[in-house]
Amino acid sequence: MNTSSSIRAAFFFLAPALIAIGVFFFVPVIAALVLSFTDFDIYSLANLDYARFIGFKNYERIFDDPLFWKALKNTFYFLIVGGPLSIAVSLAAALLLNSKLVRFKTFFRLAYFSPVVTTLVAIAVVWRFVYHPRYGLLNYALSWFGIPQIDWLGDPMWAMPAIILMAVWKNFGYNMVIFIAGLQNIPQELYEAASIDGASAWQQFKAITIPMLAPTTLFISVITMIGYFQLFAEPYVMTQGGPLNSTLSIVLYMYQMGFRWWNMGYSAALAFVLFAIILIVSLIQTLLNPERSEGSRSRKQKLVRVRYQNSEASDSQPRFTSQDSNYSAKG
């Protein structure tokens, strides 16, 4: 089979997938982009003649909208607090389940991952009962320590941390599985050489685990960031964006403008502004990552060298040296 025939055959087999992507992705995106330049509202649903082209007025309105800035502030709060917390919990769970000290690893992996595949709305409803000010499990547990009842979802000071706690619990299992895959991809020779040289577990974690997990951590940080920017179901089910808009996220605000107030054009403009913000933050994360080059990755994959200093018998100590981190630990 010549090259042209191979190309035609490839396009023939790819055509169904490409058509589906075009119909269900590119067409809606283009339609939403066109919609963002109109004043499409509930009246336009009955008659498209009511939809008028208004240029960039929707985008200009966004930057003068105090609720947009409130939602953006809340969204960054979700991201800055919930993102690192989710990554830290995921990494801790992955390290624990990847160690040789834990038994029944398969059971715990399944248990930690099960919230990820559970319906988010159902989980949010359950957590509403957990946070109930009078009959909730959390306040009942805190009462044992003499802590007064807290209105977790009705107090603007506590509503945001309550939603973040639930979101971290719901999603950390997915990141944990990815971290476990990254940990299992680290050559064991690195740890064996470090152990022989007297490096402690903490020293091995700093000099081997963290550098070797850098690409995995970058990927997880990007998808976690995108997830918190798109946070919707948690505040929608648990607080409806309240109290006093203290948990209003950008996606929830976009939903309210589009399907509560039927300002479809303005809602579409909000969606593209959110897309631009996510794109910019993702690029910044990638550019700030020192391990993005293939050269740094290949250098880290070299085996460590173990060398011993020849000195007096009473003072001789092994030294562990990593070619990438220039790390040494004396026993």
C-alpha atoms as a PDB file:
ATOM      1  CA  MET A   1       0.000   0.000   0.000  1.00  0.00           C
ATOM      2  CA  ASN A   2       1.498   3.311  -1.067  1.00  0.00           C
ATOM      3  CA  THR A   3       1.601   6.447   1.050  1.00  0.00           C
ATOM      4  CA  SER A   4      -1.421   8.161  -0.513  1.00  0.00           C
ATOM      5  CA  SER A   5      -3.555   5.058  -0.012  1.00  0.00           C
ATOM      6  CA  SER A   6      -2.444   4.863   3.608  1.00  0.00           C
ATOM      7  CA  ILE A   7      -3.395   8.504   4.167  1.00  0.00           C
ATOM      8  CA  ARG A   8      -6.811   7.987   2.585  1.00  0.00           C
ATOM      9  CA  ALA A   9      -7.391   4.900   4.703  1.00  0.00           C
ATOM     10  CA  ALA A  10      -6.376   6.793   7.841  1.00  0.00           C
ATOM     11  CA  PHE A  11      -8.784   9.629   7.069  1.00  0.00           C
ATOM     12  CA  PHE A  12     -11.518   7.092   6.345  1.00  0.00           C
ATOM     13  CA  PHE A  13     -11.154   5.515   9.790  1.00  0.00           C
ATOM     14  CA  LEU A  14     -10.769   8.891  11.516  1.00  0.00           C
ATOM     15  CA  ALA A  15     -13.752  10.459   9.779  1.00  0.00           C
ATOM     16  CA  PRO A  16     -16.427   9.310  12.289  1.00  0.00           C
ATOM     17  CA  ALA A  17     -14.458  10.677  15.240  1.00  0.00           C
ATOM     18  CA  LEU A  18     -13.609  13.924  13.433  1.00  0.00           C
ATOM     19  CA  ILE A  19     -17.242  14.451  12.459  1.00  0.00           C
ATOM     20  CA  ALA A  20     -18.370  13.857  16.048  1.00  0.00           C
ATOM     21  CA  ILE A  21     -15.762  16.299  17.366  1.00  0.00           C
ATOM     22  CA  GLY A  22     -16.790  18.894  14.816  1.00  0.00           C
ATOM     23  CA  VAL A  23     -20.512  18.547  15.537  1.00  0.00           C
ATOM     24  CA  PHE A  24     -20.343  18.357  19.321  1.00  0.00           C
ATOM     25  CA  PHE A  25     -17.334  20.616  20.001  1.00  0.00           C
ATOM     26  CA  PHE A  26     -16.368  23.071  17.282  1.00  0.00           C
ATOM     27  CA  VAL A  27     -19.897  23.930  16.178  1.00  0.00           C
ATOM     28  CA  PRO A  28     -21.074  24.761  19.746  1.00  0.00           C
ATOM     29  CA  VAL A  29     -17.895  26.756  20.412  1.00  0.00           C
ATOM     30  CA  ILE A  30     -18.339  28.828  17.261  1.00  0.00           C
ATOM     31  CA  ALA A  31     -22.035  29.298  18.020  1.00  0.00           C
ATOM     32  CA  ALA A  32     -21.226  30.445  21.571  1.00  0.00           C
ATOM     33  CA  LEU A  33     -18.606  32.860  20.238  1.00  0.00           C
ATOM     34  CA  VAL A  34     -21.146  34.399  17.863  1.00  0.00           C
ATOM     35  CA  LEU A  35     -23.688  34.469  20.693  1.00  0.00           C
ATOM     36  CA  SER A  36     -21.298  36.452  22.901  1.00  0.00           C
ATOM     37  CA  PHE A  37     -21.509  39.378  20.457  1.00  0.00           C
ATOM     38  CA  THR A  38     -25.313  39.563  20.636  1.00  0.00           C
ATOM     39  CA  ASP A  39     -27.957  40.471  23.205  1.00  0.00           C
ATOM     40  CA  PHE A  40     -29.583  37.043  22.880  1.00  0.00           C
ATOM     41  CA  ASP A  41     -32.164  36.639  25.680  1.00  0.00           C
ATOM     42  CA  ILE A  42     -35.412  34.828  26.466  1.00  0.00           C
ATOM     43  CA  TYR A  43     -37.303  36.758  23.780  1.00  0.00           C
ATOM     44  CA  SER A  44     -34.793  35.621  21.169  1.00  0.00           C
ATOM     45  CA  LEU A  45     -35.703  32.010  21.910  1.00  0.00           C
ATOM     46  CA  ALA A  46     -39.124  32.645  20.395  1.00  0.00           C
ATOM     47  CA  ASN A  47     -37.918  34.840  17.554  1.00  0.00           C
ATOM     48  CA  LEU A  48     -34.297  35.162  16.460  1.00  0.00           C
ATOM     49  CA  ASP A  49     -35.072  38.609  15.078  1.00  0.00           C
ATOM     50  CA  TYR A  50     -34.897  39.891  18.653  1.00  0.00           C
ATOM     51  CA  ALA A  51     -31.209  38.922  18.847  1.00  0.00           C
ATOM     52  CA  ARG A  52     -29.155  41.944  17.824  1.00  0.00           C
ATOM     53  CA  PHE A  53     -25.445  42.185  17.155  1.00  0.00           C
ATOM     54  CA  ILE A  54     -23.956  44.498  19.807  1.00  0.00           C
ATOM     55  CA  GLY A  55     -20.226  44.035  19.253  1.00  0.00           C
ATOM     56  CA  PHE A  56     -18.062  43.997  22.372  1.00  0.00           C
ATOM     57  CA  LYS A  57     -20.670  45.472  24.715  1.00  0.00           C
ATOM     58  CA  ASN A  58     -21.064  42.199  26.611  1.00  0.00           C
ATOM     59  CA  TYR A  59     -17.316  42.085  27.254  1.00  0.00           C
ATOM     60  CA  GLU A  60     -17.288  45.736  28.296  1.00  0.00           C
ATOM     61  CA  ARG A  61     -20.156  45.035  30.667  1.00  0.00           C
ATOM     62  CA  ILE A  62     -18.190  42.220  32.317  1.00  0.00           C
ATOM     63  CA  PHE A  63     -15.442  44.524  33.534  1.00  0.00           C
ATOM     64  CA  ASP A  64     -18.017  46.920  34.996  1.00  0.00           C
ATOM     65  CA  ASP A  65     -19.968  44.135  36.711  1.00  0.00           C
ATOM     66  CA  PRO A  66     -19.294  43.967  40.491  1.00  0.00           C
ATOM     67  CA  LEU A  67     -20.750  40.447  40.681  1.00  0.00           C
ATOM     68  CA  PHE A  68     -18.202  39.261  38.120  1.00  0.00           C
ATOM     69  CA  TRP A  69     -15.334  40.544  40.247  1.00  0.00           C
ATOM     70  CA  LYS A  70     -16.920  38.994  43.332  1.00  0.00           C
ATOM     71  CA  ALA A  71     -17.222  35.650  41.550  1.00  0.00           C
ATOM     72  CA  LEU A  72     -13.657  35.939  40.226  1.00  0.00           C
ATOM     73  CA  LYS A  73     -12.352  36.659  43.726  1.00  0.00           C
ATOM     74  CA  ASN A  74     -14.235  33.667  45.122  1.00  0.00           C
ATOM     75  CA  THR A  75     -12.957  31.447  42.322  1.00  0.00           C
ATOM     76  CA  PHE A  76      -9.347  32.405  43.030  1.00  0.00           C
ATOM     77  CA  TYR A  77      -9.996  31.733  46.718  1.00  0.00           C
ATOM     78  CA  PHE A  78     -11.186  28.243  45.796  1.00  0.00           C
ATOM     79  CA  LEU A  79      -8.080  27.796  43.642  1.00  0.00           C
ATOM     80  CA  ILE A  80      -5.440  29.203  45.996  1.00  0.00           C
ATOM     81  CA  VAL A  81      -6.712  27.369  49.083  1.00  0.00           C
ATOM     82  CA  GLY A  82      -8.241  24.238  47.608  1.00  0.00           C
ATOM     83  CA  GLY A  83      -5.653  23.572  44.891  1.00  0.00           C
ATOM     84  CA  PRO A  84      -2.521  23.158  47.062  1.00  0.00           C
ATOM     85  CA  LEU A  85      -4.556  21.368  49.744  1.00  0.00           C
ATOM     86  CA  SER A  86      -5.905  18.881  47.215  1.00  0.00           C
ATOM     87  CA  ILE A  87      -2.444  18.238  45.754  1.00  0.00           C
ATOM     88  CA  ALA A  88      -0.879  17.817  49.211  1.00  0.00           C
ATOM     89  CA  VAL A  89      -3.544  15.360  50.379  1.00  0.00           C
ATOM     90  CA  SER A  90      -3.279  13.423  47.107  1.00  0.00           C
ATOM     91  CA  LEU A  91       0.503  13.181  47.344  1.00  0.00           C
ATOM     92  CA  ALA A  92       0.374  12.110  51.002  1.00  0.00           C
ATOM     93  CA  ALA A  93      -2.146   9.373  50.206  1.00  0.00           C
ATOM     94  CA  ALA A  94      -0.091   8.223  47.203  1.00  0.00           C
ATOM     95  CA  LEU A  95       3.106   8.039  49.261  1.00  0.00           C
ATOM     96  CA  LEU A  96       1.294   6.077  51.947  1.00  0.00           C
ATOM     97  CA  LEU A  97      -0.248   3.578  49.544  1.00  0.00           C
ATOM     98  CA  ASN A  98       2.999   3.219  47.597  1.00  0.00           C
ATOM     99  CA  SER A  99       5.031   2.371  50.690  1.00  0.00           C
ATOM    100  CA  LYS A 100       5.793  -1.155  51.816  1.00  0.00           C
ATOM    101  CA  LEU A 101       4.313  -0.555  55.259  1.00  0.00           C
ATOM    102  CA  VAL A 102       0.667  -0.531  54.166  1.00  0.00           C
ATOM    103  CA  ARG A 103      -1.350  -3.703  53.675  1.00  0.00           C
ATOM    104  CA  PHE A 104      -4.568  -4.086  51.659  1.00  0.00           C
ATOM    105  CA  LYS A 105      -3.403  -1.417  49.221  1.00  0.00           C
ATOM    106  CA  THR A 106      -5.999  -2.347  46.612  1.00  0.00           C
ATOM    107  CA  PHE A 107      -8.813  -1.884  49.115  1.00  0.00           C
ATOM    108  CA  PHE A 108      -7.604   1.551  50.202  1.00  0.00           C
ATOM    109  CA  ARG A 109      -7.034   2.706  46.623  1.00  0.00           C
ATOM    110  CA  LEU A 110     -10.589   1.703  45.779  1.00  0.00           C
ATOM    111  CA  ALA A 111     -11.930   3.396  48.913  1.00  0.00           C
ATOM    112  CA  TYR A 112     -10.073   6.652  48.238  1.00  0.00           C
ATOM    113  CA  PHE A 113     -11.016   6.662  44.560  1.00  0.00           C
ATOM    114  CA  SER A 114     -14.697   5.809  45.040  1.00  0.00           C
ATOM    115  CA  PRO A 115     -15.795   9.447  45.691  1.00  0.00           C
ATOM    116  CA  VAL A 116     -14.429  10.406  42.260  1.00  0.00           C
ATOM    117  CA  VAL A 117     -16.840   8.065  40.458  1.00  0.00           C
ATOM    118  CA  THR A 118     -19.788   8.892  42.721  1.00  0.00           C
ATOM    119  CA  THR A 119     -22.395  11.378  41.521  1.00  0.00           C
ATOM    120  CA  LEU A 120     -21.306  14.807  42.697  1.00  0.00           C
ATOM    121  CA  VAL A 121     -24.830  16.030  43.390  1.00  0.00           C
ATOM    122  CA  ALA A 122     -25.506  13.045  45.652  1.00  0.00           C
ATOM    123  CA  ILE A 123     -22.273  13.688  47.542  1.00  0.00           C
ATOM    124  CA  ALA A 124     -23.097  17.377  47.921  1.00  0.00           C
ATOM    125  CA  VAL A 125     -26.511  16.517  49.375  1.00  0.00           C
ATOM    126  CA  VAL A 126     -24.907  14.142  51.890  1.00  0.00           C
ATOM    127  CA  TRP A 127     -22.396  16.798  52.907  1.00  0.00           C
ATOM    128  CA  ARG A 128     -25.242  19.249  53.455  1.00  0.00           C
ATOM    129  CA  PHE A 129     -26.485  16.904  56.166  1.00  0.00           C
ATOM    130  CA  VAL A 130     -22.955  16.603  57.560  1.00  0.00           C
ATOM    131  CA  TYR A 131     -22.808  20.404  57.816  1.00  0.00           C
ATOM    132  CA  HIS A 132     -26.307  20.789  59.287  1.00  0.00           C
ATOM    133  CA  PRO A 133     -26.043  23.318  62.156  1.00  0.00           C
ATOM    134  CA  ARG A 134     -28.185  21.306  64.605  1.00  0.00           C
ATOM    135  CA  TYR A 135     -28.151  17.676  63.480  1.00  0.00           C
ATOM    136  CA  GLY A 136     -24.969  17.511  61.428  1.00  0.00           C
ATOM    137  CA  LEU A 137     -22.264  14.968  62.163  1.00  0.00           C
ATOM    138  CA  LEU A 138     -19.514  17.594  62.152  1.00  0.00           C
ATOM    139  CA  ASN A 139     -21.104  19.808  64.800  1.00  0.00           C
ATOM    140  CA  TYR A 140     -21.928  16.703  66.856  1.00  0.00           C
ATOM    141  CA  ALA A 141     -18.252  15.695  66.832  1.00  0.00           C
ATOM    142  CA  LEU A 142     -17.127  19.228  67.700  1.00  0.00           C
ATOM    143  CA  SER A 143     -19.561  19.351  70.632  1.00  0.00           C
ATOM    144  CA  TRP A 144     -17.486  16.661  72.349  1.00  0.00           C
ATOM    145  CA  PHE A 145     -14.706  19.234  72.621  1.00  0.00           C
ATOM    146  CA  GLY A 146     -16.994  21.984  73.882  1.00  0.00           C
ATOM    147  CA  ILE A 147     -17.055  23.855  70.552  1.00  0.00           C
ATOM    148  CA  PRO A 148     -20.394  25.636  69.942  1.00  0.00           C
ATOM    149  CA  GLN A 149     -22.510  24.896  66.898  1.00  0.00           C
ATOM    150  CA  ILE A 150     -21.381  26.466  63.624  1.00  0.00           C
ATOM    151  CA  ASP A 151     -23.663  27.285  60.717  1.00  0.00           C
ATOM    152  CA  TRP A 152     -21.217  25.956  58.155  1.00  0.00           C
ATOM    153  CA  LEU A 153     -23.222  26.816  55.040  1.00  0.00           C
ATOM    154  CA  GLY A 154     -25.112  29.822  56.405  1.00  0.00           C
ATOM    155  CA  ASP A 155     -22.165  31.841  57.699  1.00  0.00           C
ATOM    156  CA  PRO A 156     -20.153  33.701  55.012  1.00  0.00           C
ATOM    157  CA  MET A 157     -16.962  33.089  56.998  1.00  0.00           C
ATOM    158  CA  TRP A 158     -17.383  29.281  57.034  1.00  0.00           C
ATOM    159  CA  ALA A 159     -19.268  28.557  53.808  1.00  0.00           C
ATOM    160  CA  MET A 160     -16.209  28.775  51.570  1.00  0.00           C
ATOM    161  CA  PRO A 161     -13.951  26.497  53.719  1.00  0.00           C
ATOM    162  CA  ALA A 162     -16.837  24.025  54.028  1.00  0.00           C
ATOM    163  CA  ILE A 163     -17.204  23.744  50.259  1.00  0.00           C
ATOM    164  CA  ILE A 164     -13.428  23.485  49.775  1.00  0.00           C
ATOM    165  CA  LEU A 165     -13.237  20.635  52.302  1.00  0.00           C
ATOM    166  CA  MET A 166     -15.937  18.732  50.462  1.00  0.00           C
ATOM    167  CA  ALA A 167     -14.349  19.411  47.056  1.00  0.00           C
ATOM    168  CA  VAL A 168     -10.939  18.186  48.246  1.00  0.00           C
ATOM    169  CA  TRP A 169     -12.480  15.010  49.677  1.00  0.00           C
ATOM    170  CA  LYS A 170     -14.407  14.428  46.456  1.00  0.00           C
ATOM    171  CA  ASN A 171     -11.527  14.864  44.008  1.00  0.00           C
ATOM    172  CA  PHE A 172      -8.256  13.944  45.710  1.00  0.00           C
ATOM    173  CA  GLY A 173      -8.584  10.264  44.744  1.00  0.00           C
ATOM    174  CA  TYR A 174      -8.086  11.029  41.051  1.00  0.00           C
ATOM    175  CA  ASN A 175      -4.863  12.930  41.677  1.00  0.00           C
ATOM    176  CA  MET A 176      -3.759  10.193  44.066  1.00  0.00           C
ATOM    177  CA  VAL A 177      -3.951   7.556  41.323  1.00  0.00           C
ATOM    178  CA  ILE A 178      -1.834   9.720  39.003  1.00  0.00           C
ATOM    179  CA  PHE A 179       0.727  10.322  41.750  1.00  0.00           C
ATOM    180  CA  ILE A 180       0.920   6.574  42.417  1.00  0.00           C
ATOM    181  CA  ALA A 181       1.651   5.972  38.738  1.00  0.00           C
ATOM    182  CA  GLY A 182       4.394   8.612  38.878  1.00  0.00           C
ATOM    183  CA  LEU A 183       5.910   7.099  42.024  1.00  0.00           C
ATOM    184  CA  GLN A 184       5.967   3.633  40.493  1.00  0.00           C
ATOM    185  CA  ASN A 185       7.803   5.060  37.482  1.00  0.00           C
ATOM    186  CA  ILE A 186      10.748   6.225  39.615  1.00  0.00           C
ATOM    187  CA  PRO A 187      13.674   3.752  39.356  1.00  0.00           C
ATOM    188  CA  GLN A 188      14.113   1.899  42.641  1.00  0.00           C
ATOM    189  CA  GLU A 189      17.886   1.974  42.152  1.00  0.00           C
ATOM    190  CA  LEU A 190      17.807   5.606  43.233  1.00  0.00           C
ATOM    191  CA  TYR A 191      16.336   4.762  46.613  1.00  0.00           C
ATOM    192  CA  GLU A 192      18.534   1.695  47.045  1.00  0.00           C
ATOM    193  CA  ALA A 193      21.687   3.695  46.392  1.00  0.00           C
ATOM    194  CA  ALA A 194      20.563   6.443  48.733  1.00  0.00           C
ATOM    195  CA  SER A 195      19.734   3.940  51.490  1.00  0.00           C
ATOM    196  CA  ILE A 196      23.131   2.313  51.177  1.00  0.00           C
ATOM    197  CA  ASP A 197      24.701   5.718  51.474  1.00  0.00           C
ATOM    198  CA  GLY A 198      22.790   6.487  54.664  1.00  0.00           C
ATOM    199  CA  ALA A 199      20.211   8.974  53.380  1.00  0.00           C
ATOM    200  CA  SER A 200      17.110   9.219  55.539  1.00  0.00           C
ATOM    201  CA  ALA A 201      13.577   8.840  54.201  1.00  0.00           C
ATOM    202  CA  TRP A 202      13.054  12.618  54.314  1.00  0.00           C
ATOM    203  CA  GLN A 203      16.326  13.229  52.469  1.00  0.00           C
ATOM    204  CA  GLN A 204      15.337  10.704  49.795  1.00  0.00           C
ATOM    205  CA  PHE A 205      11.960  12.398  49.447  1.00  0.00           C
ATOM    206  CA  LYS A 206      13.557  15.819  48.901  1.00  0.00           C
ATOM    207  CA  ALA A 207      16.380  14.703  46.611  1.00  0.00           C
ATOM    208  CA  ILE A 208      14.690  11.942  44.606  1.00  0.00           C
ATOM    209  CA  THR A 209      10.905  11.843  44.896  1.00  0.00           C
ATOM    210  CA  ILE A 210      10.125  15.534  44.473  1.00  0.00           C
ATOM    211  CA  PRO A 211      12.440  16.116  41.446  1.00  0.00           C
ATOM    212  CA  MET A 212      11.342  12.918  39.705  1.00  0.00           C
ATOM    213  CA  LEU A 213       7.667  13.728  40.261  1.00  0.00           C
ATOM    214  CA  ALA A 214       7.994  17.218  38.779  1.00  0.00           C
ATOM    215  CA  PRO A 215       6.291  16.416  35.422  1.00  0.00           C
ATOM    216  CA  THR A 216       3.500  14.551  37.217  1.00  0.00           C
ATOM    217  CA  THR A 217       3.064  17.409  39.674  1.00  0.00           C
ATOM    218  CA  LEU A 218       2.851  19.913  36.818  1.00  0.00           C
ATOM    219  CA  PHE A 219       0.128  17.896  35.113  1.00  0.00           C
ATOM    220  CA  ILE A 220      -1.842  17.503  38.346  1.00  0.00           C
ATOM    221  CA  SER A 221      -1.487  21.183  39.209  1.00  0.00           C
ATOM    222  CA  VAL A 222      -2.840  22.191  35.788  1.00  0.00           C
ATOM    223  CA  ILE A 223      -5.861  19.881  35.864  1.00  0.00           C
ATOM    224  CA  THR A 224      -6.549  20.804  39.497  1.00  0.00           C
ATOM    225  CA  MET A 225      -6.399  24.492  38.611  1.00  0.00           C
ATOM    226  CA  ILE A 226      -8.822  23.972  35.737  1.00  0.00           C
ATOM    227  CA  GLY A 227     -11.134  21.974  37.991  1.00  0.00           C
ATOM    228  CA  TYR A 228     -11.343  24.732  40.604  1.00  0.00           C
ATOM    229  CA  PHE A 229     -11.872  27.384  37.950  1.00  0.00           C
ATOM    230  CA  GLN A 230     -14.818  25.306  36.714  1.00  0.00           C
ATOM    231  CA  LEU A 231     -16.258  24.673  40.179  1.00  0.00           C
ATOM    232  CA  PHE A 232     -20.034  24.621  39.851  1.00  0.00           C
ATOM    233  CA  ALA A 233     -21.980  21.725  41.369  1.00  0.00           C
ATOM    234  CA  GLU A 234     -20.603  22.125  44.889  1.00  0.00           C
ATOM    235  CA  PRO A 235     -21.715  25.737  45.473  1.00  0.00           C
ATOM    236  CA  TYR A 236     -24.837  25.263  43.339  1.00  0.00           C
ATOM    237  CA  VAL A 237     -26.198  22.340  45.372  1.00  0.00           C
ATOM    238  CA  MET A 238     -24.921  23.355  48.797  1.00  0.00           C
ATOM    239  CA  THR A 239     -25.343  27.144  48.946  1.00  0.00           C
ATOM    240  CA  GLN A 240     -26.704  28.443  45.611  1.00  0.00           C
ATOM    241  CA  GLY A 241     -23.769  30.863  45.704  1.00  0.00           C
ATOM    242  CA  GLY A 242     -24.703  32.271  49.109  1.00  0.00           C
ATOM    243  CA  PRO A 243     -24.754  33.439  51.727  1.00  0.00           C
ATOM    244  CA  LEU A 244     -24.339  36.990  50.421  1.00  0.00           C
ATOM    245  CA  ASN A 245     -22.633  35.652  47.260  1.00  0.00           C
ATOM    246  CA  SER A 246     -19.729  34.448  49.415  1.00  0.00           C
ATOM    247  CA  THR A 247     -19.482  31.158  47.468  1.00  0.00           C
ATOM    248  CA  LEU A 248     -20.475  32.441  44.029  1.00  0.00           C
ATOM    249  CA  SER A 249     -18.052  31.011  41.446  1.00  0.00           C
ATOM    250  CA  ILE A 250     -17.631  32.236  37.880  1.00  0.00           C
ATOM    251  CA  VAL A 251     -19.255  29.134  36.387  1.00  0.00           C
ATOM    252  CA  LEU A 252     -22.187  29.396  38.792  1.00  0.00           C
ATOM    253  CA  TYR A 253     -22.566  33.075  37.922  1.00  0.00           C
ATOM    254  CA  MET A 254     -22.419  32.180  34.243  1.00  0.00           C
ATOM    255  CA  TYR A 255     -25.170  29.598  34.788  1.00  0.00           C
ATOM    256  CA  GLN A 256     -27.336  32.071  36.672  1.00  0.00           C
ATOM    257  CA  MET A 257     -27.013  34.715  33.969  1.00  0.00           C
ATOM    258  CA  GLY A 258     -27.783  32.213  31.215  1.00  0.00           C
ATOM    259  CA  PHE A 259     -30.506  30.023  32.703  1.00  0.00           C
ATOM    260  CA  ARG A 260     -32.008  32.089  35.505  1.00  0.00           C
ATOM    261  CA  TRP A 261     -32.003  35.542  33.923  1.00  0.00           C
ATOM    262  CA  TRP A 262     -31.790  34.289  30.304  1.00  0.00           C
ATOM    263  CA  ASN A 263     -29.008  36.665  29.302  1.00  0.00           C
ATOM    264  CA  MET A 264     -27.467  34.114  26.953  1.00  0.00           C
ATOM    265  CA  GLY A 265     -25.200  36.552  25.145  1.00  0.00           C
ATOM    266  CA  TYR A 266     -23.701  37.856  28.376  1.00  0.00           C
ATOM    267  CA  SER A 267     -23.330  34.318  29.716  1.00  0.00           C
ATOM    268  CA  ALA A 268     -21.445  33.286  26.562  1.00  0.00           C
ATOM    269  CA  ALA A 269     -19.116  36.264  26.970  1.00  0.00           C
ATOM    270  CA  LEU A 270     -18.435  35.176  30.562  1.00  0.00           C
ATOM    271  CA  ALA A 271     -17.533  31.709  29.275  1.00  0.00           C
ATOM    272  CA  PHE A 272     -14.909  33.053  26.872  1.00  0.00           C
ATOM    273  CA  VAL A 273     -13.447  35.366  29.512  1.00  0.00           C
ATOM    274  CA  LEU A 274     -13.121  32.338  31.802  1.00  0.00           C
ATOM    275  CA  PHE A 275     -11.461  30.410  28.965  1.00  0.00           C
ATOM    276  CA  ALA A 276      -8.923  33.214  28.515  1.00  0.00           C
ATOM    277  CA  ILE A 277      -8.172  33.288  32.260  1.00  0.00           C
ATOM    278  CA  ILE A 278      -7.656  29.511  32.393  1.00  0.00           C
ATOM    279  CA  LEU A 279      -5.417  29.626  29.316  1.00  0.00           C
ATOM    280  CA  ILE A 280      -3.238  32.404  30.763  1.00  0.00           C
ATOM    281  CA  VAL A 281      -2.876  30.725  34.161  1.00  0.00           C
ATOM    282  CA  SER A 282      -2.063  27.372  32.512  1.00  0.00           C
ATOM    283  CA  LEU A 283       0.651  28.973  30.380  1.00  0.00           C
ATOM    284  CA  ILE A 284       2.121  30.681  33.443  1.00  0.00           C
ATOM    285  CA  GLN A 285       2.196  27.364  35.307  1.00  0.00           C
ATOM    286  CA  THR A 286       3.943  25.672  32.402  1.00  0.00           C
ATOM    287  CA  LEU A 287       6.502  28.452  31.912  1.00  0.00           C
ATOM    288  CA  LEU A 288       7.336  28.579  35.618  1.00  0.00           C
ATOM    289  CA  ASN A 289       7.984  24.846  35.735  1.00  0.00           C
ATOM    290  CA  PRO A 290      11.769  24.311  35.720  1.00  0.00           C
ATOM    291  CA  GLU A 291      11.395  20.689  34.624  1.00  0.00           C
ATOM    292  CA  ARG A 292       9.567  21.282  31.346  1.00  0.00           C
ATOM    293  CA  SER A 293      12.562  20.538  29.130  1.00  0.00           C
ATOM    294  CA  GLU A 294      13.307  16.995  27.997  1.00  0.00           C
ATOM    295  CA  GLY A 295      16.973  17.500  28.821  1.00  0.00           C
ATOM    296  CA  SER A 296      16.319  18.042  32.500  1.00  0.00           C
ATOM    297  CA  ARG A 297      14.109  14.966  32.570  1.00  0.00           C
ATOM    298  CA  SER A 298      16.736  12.775  30.925  1.00  0.00           C
ATOM    299  CA  ARG A 299      19.426  14.028  33.270  1.00  0.00           C
ATOM    300  CA  LYS A 300      17.310  13.133  36.260  1.00  0.00           C
ATOM    301  CA  GLN A 301      16.840   9.616  34.992  1.00  0.00           C
ATOM    302  CA  LYS A 302      20.545   8.885  35.276  1.00  0.00           C
ATOM    303  CA  LEU A 303      21.368   6.622  38.139  1.00  0.00           C
ATOM    304  CA  VAL A 304      22.836   8.186  41.240  1.00  0.00           C
ATOM    305  CA  ARG A 305      26.424   7.646  42.121  1.00  0.00           C
ATOM    306  CA  VAL A 306      27.471   6.329  45.463  1.00  0.00           C
ATOM    307  CA  ARG A 307      30.967   7.198  46.558  1.00  0.00           C
ATOM    308  CA  TYR A 308      32.782   6.791  49.785  1.00  0.00           C
ATOM    309  CA  GLN A 309      35.364   9.145  51.124  1.00  0.00           C
ATOM    310  CA  ASN A 310      38.597   7.451  52.035  1.00  0.00           C
ATOM    311  CA  SER A 311      39.595   8.805  55.351  1.00  0.00           C
ATOM    312  CA  GLU A 312      40.464   7.510  58.757  1.00  0.00           C
ATOM    313  CA  ALA A 313      38.394   4.543  59.859  1.00  0.00           C
ATOM    314  CA  SER A 314      36.852   6.419  62.752  1.00  0.00           C
ATOM    315  CA  ASP A 315      35.764   9.363  60.578  1.00  0.00           C
ATOM    316  CA  SER A 316      34.864   7.680  57.313  1.00  0.00           C
ATOM    317  CA  GLN A 317      31.245   8.387  56.319  1.00  0.00           C
ATOM    318  CA  PRO A 318      29.390   7.428  53.135  1.00  0.00           C
ATOM    319  CA  ARG A 319      28.147  10.221  50.917  1.00  0.00           C
ATOM    320  CA  PHE A 320      25.172  10.136  48.586  1.00  0.00           C
ATOM    321  CA  THR A 321      25.374  12.331  45.499  1.00  0.00           C
ATOM    322  CA  SER A 322      22.602  13.016  42.996  1.00  0.00           C
ATOM    323  CA  GLN A 323      23.689  14.342  39.609  1.00  0.00           C
ATOM    324  CA  ASP A 324      20.624  16.559  39.356  1.00  0.00           C
ATOM    325  CA  SER A 325      20.125  18.001  42.812  1.00  0.00           C
ATOM    326  CA  ASN A 326      23.780  18.102  43.923  1.00  0.00           C
ATOM    327  CA  TYR A 327      22.507  16.629  47.150  1.00  0.00           C
ATOM    328  CA  SER A 328      24.704  14.840  49.626  1.00  0.00           C
ATOM    329  CA  ALA A 329      23.816  13.344  52.983  1.00  0.00           C
ATOM    330  CA  LYS A 330      26.317  12.185  55.509  1.00  0.00           C
ATOM    331  CA  GLY A 331      25.261   9.202  57.592  1.00  0.00           C
END
